[in-house]
Amino acid sequence: MSDRTRDVLLFAILLAVVASAPAIPDGMALFVGIVAVLLGTVAFLATVTPAGFGRVVPEEE
């Protein structure tokens, strides 16, 4: 899975959580929101290193 595809999927999940938040109880909405933010943060940190932050990497690397 490419980075762009992964980012689009994570963003879609986040939008789905935000859209469904009024339909689910407050406690569950908060839990699902926190889990979505944690998953997004972990996915971001797993793909970024301090040396590579903000650097465009060519396809052949």
PDB file of N, CA and C in Angstrom:
ATOM      1  N   MET A   1       0.851  -1.173   0.000  1.00  0.00           N
ATOM      2  CA  MET A   1       0.000   0.000   0.000  1.00  0.00           C
ATOM      3  C   MET A   1       0.894   1.232   0.000  1.00  0.00           C
ATOM      4  N   SER A   2       0.597   2.143  -0.887  1.00  0.00           N
ATOM      5  CA  SER A   2       1.413   3.355  -0.968  1.00  0.00           C
ATOM      6  C   SER A   2       1.077   4.289   0.192  1.00  0.00           C
ATOM      7  N   ASP A   3       1.983   5.211   0.446  1.00  0.00           N
ATOM      8  CA  ASP A   3       1.770   6.182   1.521  1.00  0.00           C
ATOM      9  C   ASP A   3       0.525   7.013   1.263  1.00  0.00           C
ATOM     10  N   ARG A   4       0.325   7.392   0.020  1.00  0.00           N
ATOM     11  CA  ARG A   4      -0.838   8.225  -0.310  1.00  0.00           C
ATOM     12  C   ARG A   4      -2.140   7.461  -0.071  1.00  0.00           C
ATOM     13  N   THR A   5      -2.168   6.193  -0.459  1.00  0.00           N
ATOM     14  CA  THR A   5      -3.357   5.372  -0.240  1.00  0.00           C
ATOM     15  C   THR A   5      -3.635   5.223   1.244  1.00  0.00           C
ATOM     16  N   ARG A   6      -2.589   4.968   2.024  1.00  0.00           N
ATOM     17  CA  ARG A   6      -2.743   4.832   3.469  1.00  0.00           C
ATOM     18  C   ARG A   6      -3.275   6.121   4.088  1.00  0.00           C
ATOM     19  N   ASP A   7      -2.731   7.254   3.653  1.00  0.00           N
ATOM     20  CA  ASP A   7      -3.176   8.544   4.181  1.00  0.00           C
ATOM     21  C   ASP A   7      -4.638   8.810   3.841  1.00  0.00           C
ATOM     22  N   VAL A   8      -5.038   8.472   2.620  1.00  0.00           N
ATOM     23  CA  VAL A   8      -6.434   8.673   2.214  1.00  0.00           C
ATOM     24  C   VAL A   8      -7.357   7.785   3.044  1.00  0.00           C
ATOM     25  N   LEU A   9      -6.959   6.539   3.275  1.00  0.00           N
ATOM     26  CA  LEU A   9      -7.778   5.638   4.083  1.00  0.00           C
ATOM     27  C   LEU A   9      -7.901   6.132   5.522  1.00  0.00           C
ATOM     28  N   LEU A  10      -6.799   6.583   6.110  1.00  0.00           N
ATOM     29  CA  LEU A  10      -6.852   7.105   7.480  1.00  0.00           C
ATOM     30  C   LEU A  10      -7.726   8.353   7.562  1.00  0.00           C
ATOM     31  N   PHE A  11      -7.643   9.213   6.559  1.00  0.00           N
ATOM     32  CA  PHE A  11      -8.471  10.413   6.539  1.00  0.00           C
ATOM     33  C   PHE A  11      -9.947  10.041   6.397  1.00  0.00           C
ATOM     34  N   ALA A  12     -10.239   9.040   5.569  1.00  0.00           N
ATOM     35  CA  ALA A  12     -11.623   8.587   5.401  1.00  0.00           C
ATOM     36  C   ALA A  12     -12.171   8.013   6.704  1.00  0.00           C
ATOM     37  N   ILE A  13     -11.336   7.266   7.426  1.00  0.00           N
ATOM     38  CA  ILE A  13     -11.758   6.731   8.724  1.00  0.00           C
ATOM     39  C   ILE A  13     -12.037   7.864   9.695  1.00  0.00           C
ATOM     40  N   LEU A  14     -11.173   8.854   9.715  1.00  0.00           N
ATOM     41  CA  LEU A  14     -11.374   9.998  10.601  1.00  0.00           C
ATOM     42  C   LEU A  14     -12.671  10.732  10.256  1.00  0.00           C
ATOM     43  N   LEU A  15     -12.935  10.942   8.967  1.00  0.00           N
ATOM     44  CA  LEU A  15     -14.184  11.593   8.558  1.00  0.00           C
ATOM     45  C   LEU A  15     -15.404  10.762   8.953  1.00  0.00           C
ATOM     46  N   ALA A  16     -15.302   9.445   8.822  1.00  0.00           N
ATOM     47  CA  ALA A  16     -16.417   8.576   9.210  1.00  0.00           C
ATOM     48  C   ALA A  16     -16.682   8.665  10.705  1.00  0.00           C
ATOM     49  N   VAL A  17     -15.624   8.735  11.494  1.00  0.00           N
ATOM     50  CA  VAL A  17     -15.783   8.865  12.946  1.00  0.00           C
ATOM     51  C   VAL A  17     -16.451  10.185  13.284  1.00  0.00           C
ATOM     52  N   VAL A  18     -16.003  11.262  12.658  1.00  0.00           N
ATOM     53  CA  VAL A  18     -16.583  12.580  12.925  1.00  0.00           C
ATOM     54  C   VAL A  18     -18.049  12.611  12.488  1.00  0.00           C
ATOM     55  N   ALA A  19     -18.356  12.017  11.341  1.00  0.00           N
ATOM     56  CA  ALA A  19     -19.730  12.026  10.829  1.00  0.00           C
ATOM     57  C   ALA A  19     -20.669  11.189  11.693  1.00  0.00           C
ATOM     58  N   SER A  20     -20.160  10.103  12.273  1.00  0.00           N
ATOM     59  CA  SER A  20     -21.019   9.221  13.060  1.00  0.00           C
ATOM     60  C   SER A  20     -21.071   9.604  14.534  1.00  0.00           C
ATOM     61  N   ALA A  21     -20.267  10.554  14.952  1.00  0.00           N
ATOM     62  CA  ALA A  21     -20.202  10.916  16.372  1.00  0.00           C
ATOM     63  C   ALA A  21     -21.554  11.306  16.963  1.00  0.00           C
ATOM     64  N   PRO A  22     -22.400  12.099  16.275  1.00  0.00           N
ATOM     65  CA  PRO A  22     -23.696  12.438  16.883  1.00  0.00           C
ATOM     66  C   PRO A  22     -24.632  11.235  17.033  1.00  0.00           C
ATOM     67  N   ALA A  23     -24.429  10.185  16.255  1.00  0.00           N
ATOM     68  CA  ALA A  23     -25.331   9.037  16.267  1.00  0.00           C
ATOM     69  C   ALA A  23     -24.987   8.010  17.343  1.00  0.00           C
ATOM     70  N   ILE A  24     -23.825   8.096  17.948  1.00  0.00           N
ATOM     71  CA  ILE A  24     -23.444   7.120  18.967  1.00  0.00           C
ATOM     72  C   ILE A  24     -23.325   7.814  20.317  1.00  0.00           C
ATOM     73  N   PRO A  25     -23.462   7.071  21.402  1.00  0.00           N
ATOM     74  CA  PRO A  25     -23.390   7.681  22.739  1.00  0.00           C
ATOM     75  C   PRO A  25     -22.075   8.415  22.965  1.00  0.00           C
ATOM     76  N   ASP A  26     -22.121   9.411  23.832  1.00  0.00           N
ATOM     77  CA  ASP A  26     -20.954  10.268  24.060  1.00  0.00           C
ATOM     78  C   ASP A  26     -19.705   9.493  24.462  1.00  0.00           C
ATOM     79  N   GLY A  27     -19.833   8.558  25.370  1.00  0.00           N
ATOM     80  CA  GLY A  27     -18.669   7.796  25.827  1.00  0.00           C
ATOM     81  C   GLY A  27     -18.026   7.012  24.699  1.00  0.00           C
ATOM     82  N   MET A  28     -18.860   6.359  23.904  1.00  0.00           N
ATOM     83  CA  MET A  28     -18.347   5.566  22.788  1.00  0.00           C
ATOM     84  C   MET A  28     -17.743   6.464  21.714  1.00  0.00           C
ATOM     85  N   ALA A  29     -18.371   7.602  21.442  1.00  0.00           N
ATOM     86  CA  ALA A  29     -17.842   8.535  20.441  1.00  0.00           C
ATOM     87  C   ALA A  29     -16.467   9.036  20.861  1.00  0.00           C
ATOM     88  N   LEU A  30     -16.321   9.343  22.130  1.00  0.00           N
ATOM     89  CA  LEU A  30     -15.030   9.807  22.638  1.00  0.00           C
ATOM     90  C   LEU A  30     -13.980   8.714  22.501  1.00  0.00           C
ATOM     91  N   PHE A  31     -14.342   7.484  22.852  1.00  0.00           N
ATOM     92  CA  PHE A  31     -13.415   6.359  22.749  1.00  0.00           C
ATOM     93  C   PHE A  31     -12.979   6.132  21.301  1.00  0.00           C
ATOM     94  N   VAL A  32     -13.940   6.100  20.379  1.00  0.00           N
ATOM     95  CA  VAL A  32     -13.627   5.866  18.962  1.00  0.00           C
ATOM     96  C   VAL A  32     -12.781   7.009  18.411  1.00  0.00           C
ATOM     97  N   GLY A  33     -13.084   8.237  18.800  1.00  0.00           N
ATOM     98  CA  GLY A  33     -12.294   9.386  18.357  1.00  0.00           C
ATOM     99  C   GLY A  33     -10.860   9.315  18.838  1.00  0.00           C
ATOM    100  N   ILE A  34     -10.676   8.949  20.102  1.00  0.00           N
ATOM    101  CA  ILE A  34      -9.321   8.829  20.656  1.00  0.00           C
ATOM    102  C   ILE A  34      -8.552   7.725  19.944  1.00  0.00           C
ATOM    103  N   VAL A  35      -9.205   6.598  19.694  1.00  0.00           N
ATOM    104  CA  VAL A  35      -8.547   5.491  18.985  1.00  0.00           C
ATOM    105  C   VAL A  35      -8.150   5.925  17.575  1.00  0.00           C
ATOM    106  N   ALA A  36      -9.023   6.653  16.877  1.00  0.00           N
ATOM    107  CA  ALA A  36      -8.711   7.117  15.519  1.00  0.00           C
ATOM    108  C   ALA A  36      -7.517   8.063  15.527  1.00  0.00           C
ATOM    109  N   VAL A  37      -7.472   8.967  16.495  1.00  0.00           N
ATOM    110  CA  VAL A  37      -6.345   9.901  16.591  1.00  0.00           C
ATOM    111  C   VAL A  37      -5.059   9.146  16.912  1.00  0.00           C
ATOM    112  N   LEU A  38      -5.122   8.186  17.823  1.00  0.00           N
ATOM    113  CA  LEU A  38      -3.929   7.402  18.162  1.00  0.00           C
ATOM    114  C   LEU A  38      -3.431   6.596  16.966  1.00  0.00           C
ATOM    115  N   LEU A  39      -4.345   5.966  16.229  1.00  0.00           N
ATOM    116  CA  LEU A  39      -3.934   5.201  15.046  1.00  0.00           C
ATOM    117  C   LEU A  39      -3.301   6.103  13.992  1.00  0.00           C
ATOM    118  N   GLY A  40      -3.879   7.268  13.775  1.00  0.00           N
ATOM    119  CA  GLY A  40      -3.304   8.213  12.819  1.00  0.00           C
ATOM    120  C   GLY A  40      -1.930   8.682  13.241  1.00  0.00           C
ATOM    121  N   THR A  41      -1.764   8.957  14.537  1.00  0.00           N
ATOM    122  CA  THR A  41      -0.469   9.405  15.052  1.00  0.00           C
ATOM    123  C   THR A  41       0.573   8.307  14.916  1.00  0.00           C
ATOM    124  N   VAL A  42       0.211   7.086  15.270  1.00  0.00           N
ATOM    125  CA  VAL A  42       1.149   5.963  15.159  1.00  0.00           C
ATOM    126  C   VAL A  42       1.536   5.735  13.700  1.00  0.00           C
ATOM    127  N   ALA A  43       0.567   5.790  12.791  1.00  0.00           N
ATOM    128  CA  ALA A  43       0.871   5.607  11.367  1.00  0.00           C
ATOM    129  C   ALA A  43       1.792   6.706  10.861  1.00  0.00           C
ATOM    130  N   PHE A  44       1.562   7.935  11.307  1.00  0.00           N
ATOM    131  CA  PHE A  44       2.416   9.052  10.896  1.00  0.00           C
ATOM    132  C   PHE A  44       3.834   8.872  11.433  1.00  0.00           C
ATOM    133  N   LEU A  45       3.944   8.574  12.722  1.00  0.00           N
ATOM    134  CA  LEU A  45       5.268   8.436  13.330  1.00  0.00           C
ATOM    135  C   LEU A  45       6.025   7.226  12.791  1.00  0.00           C
ATOM    136  N   ALA A  46       5.308   6.193  12.380  1.00  0.00           N
ATOM    137  CA  ALA A  46       5.960   5.002  11.846  1.00  0.00           C
ATOM    138  C   ALA A  46       6.580   5.258  10.478  1.00  0.00           C
ATOM    139  N   THR A  47       6.103   6.278   9.781  1.00  0.00           N
ATOM    140  CA  THR A  47       6.609   6.531   8.432  1.00  0.00           C
ATOM    141  C   THR A  47       7.542   7.726   8.357  1.00  0.00           C
ATOM    142  N   VAL A  48       7.740   8.430   9.462  1.00  0.00           N
ATOM    143  CA  VAL A  48       8.559   9.635   9.450  1.00  0.00           C
ATOM    144  C   VAL A  48       9.723   9.472  10.416  1.00  0.00           C
ATOM    145  N   THR A  49      10.914   9.784   9.944  1.00  0.00           N
ATOM    146  CA  THR A  49      12.090   9.809  10.814  1.00  0.00           C
ATOM    147  C   THR A  49      12.586  11.248  10.871  1.00  0.00           C
ATOM    148  N   PRO A  50      13.299  11.621  11.925  1.00  0.00           N
ATOM    149  CA  PRO A  50      13.794  13.001  12.003  1.00  0.00           C
ATOM    150  C   PRO A  50      14.623  13.408  10.784  1.00  0.00           C
ATOM    151  N   ALA A  51      15.422  12.489  10.262  1.00  0.00           N
ATOM    152  CA  ALA A  51      16.263  12.817   9.110  1.00  0.00           C
ATOM    153  C   ALA A  51      15.428  12.980   7.842  1.00  0.00           C
ATOM    154  N   GLY A  52      14.294  12.296   7.786  1.00  0.00           N
ATOM    155  CA  GLY A  52      13.494  12.336   6.571  1.00  0.00           C
ATOM    156  C   GLY A  52      12.307  13.259   6.640  1.00  0.00           C
ATOM    157  N   PHE A  53      12.127  13.948   7.749  1.00  0.00           N
ATOM    158  CA  PHE A  53      10.945  14.797   7.904  1.00  0.00           C
ATOM    159  C   PHE A  53      10.976  15.943   6.903  1.00  0.00           C
ATOM    160  N   GLY A  54       9.942  16.065   6.104  1.00  0.00           N
ATOM    161  CA  GLY A  54       9.838  17.145   5.134  1.00  0.00           C
ATOM    162  C   GLY A  54      10.653  16.939   3.873  1.00  0.00           C
ATOM    163  N   ARG A  55      11.290  15.781   3.741  1.00  0.00           N
ATOM    164  CA  ARG A  55      12.129  15.506   2.581  1.00  0.00           C
ATOM    165  C   ARG A  55      11.335  14.686   1.575  1.00  0.00           C
ATOM    166  N   VAL A  56      11.393  15.076   0.319  1.00  0.00           N
ATOM    167  CA  VAL A  56      10.722  14.325  -0.738  1.00  0.00           C
ATOM    168  C   VAL A  56      11.639  13.187  -1.158  1.00  0.00           C
ATOM    169  N   VAL A  57      11.118  11.972  -1.069  1.00  0.00           N
ATOM    170  CA  VAL A  57      11.920  10.791  -1.384  1.00  0.00           C
ATOM    171  C   VAL A  57      11.557  10.306  -2.780  1.00  0.00           C
ATOM    172  N   PRO A  58      12.557  10.197  -3.660  1.00  0.00           N
ATOM    173  CA  PRO A  58      12.281   9.674  -5.003  1.00  0.00           C
ATOM    174  C   PRO A  58      11.792   8.225  -4.934  1.00  0.00           C
ATOM    175  N   GLU A  59      11.077   7.784  -5.952  1.00  0.00           N
ATOM    176  CA  GLU A  59      10.517   6.435  -5.983  1.00  0.00           C
ATOM    177  C   GLU A  59      11.581   5.346  -5.870  1.00  0.00           C
ATOM    178  N   GLU A  60      12.777   5.566  -6.421  1.00  0.00           N
ATOM    179  CA  GLU A  60      13.784   4.503  -6.441  1.00  0.00           C
ATOM    180  C   GLU A  60      14.471   4.283  -5.104  1.00  0.00           C
ATOM    181  N   GLU A  61      14.274   5.140  -4.118  1.00  0.00           N
ATOM    182  CA  GLU A  61      14.922   4.939  -2.806  1.00  0.00           C
ATOM    183  C   GLU A  61      14.218   3.878  -2.028  1.00  0.00           C
TER     184      GLU A  61
END
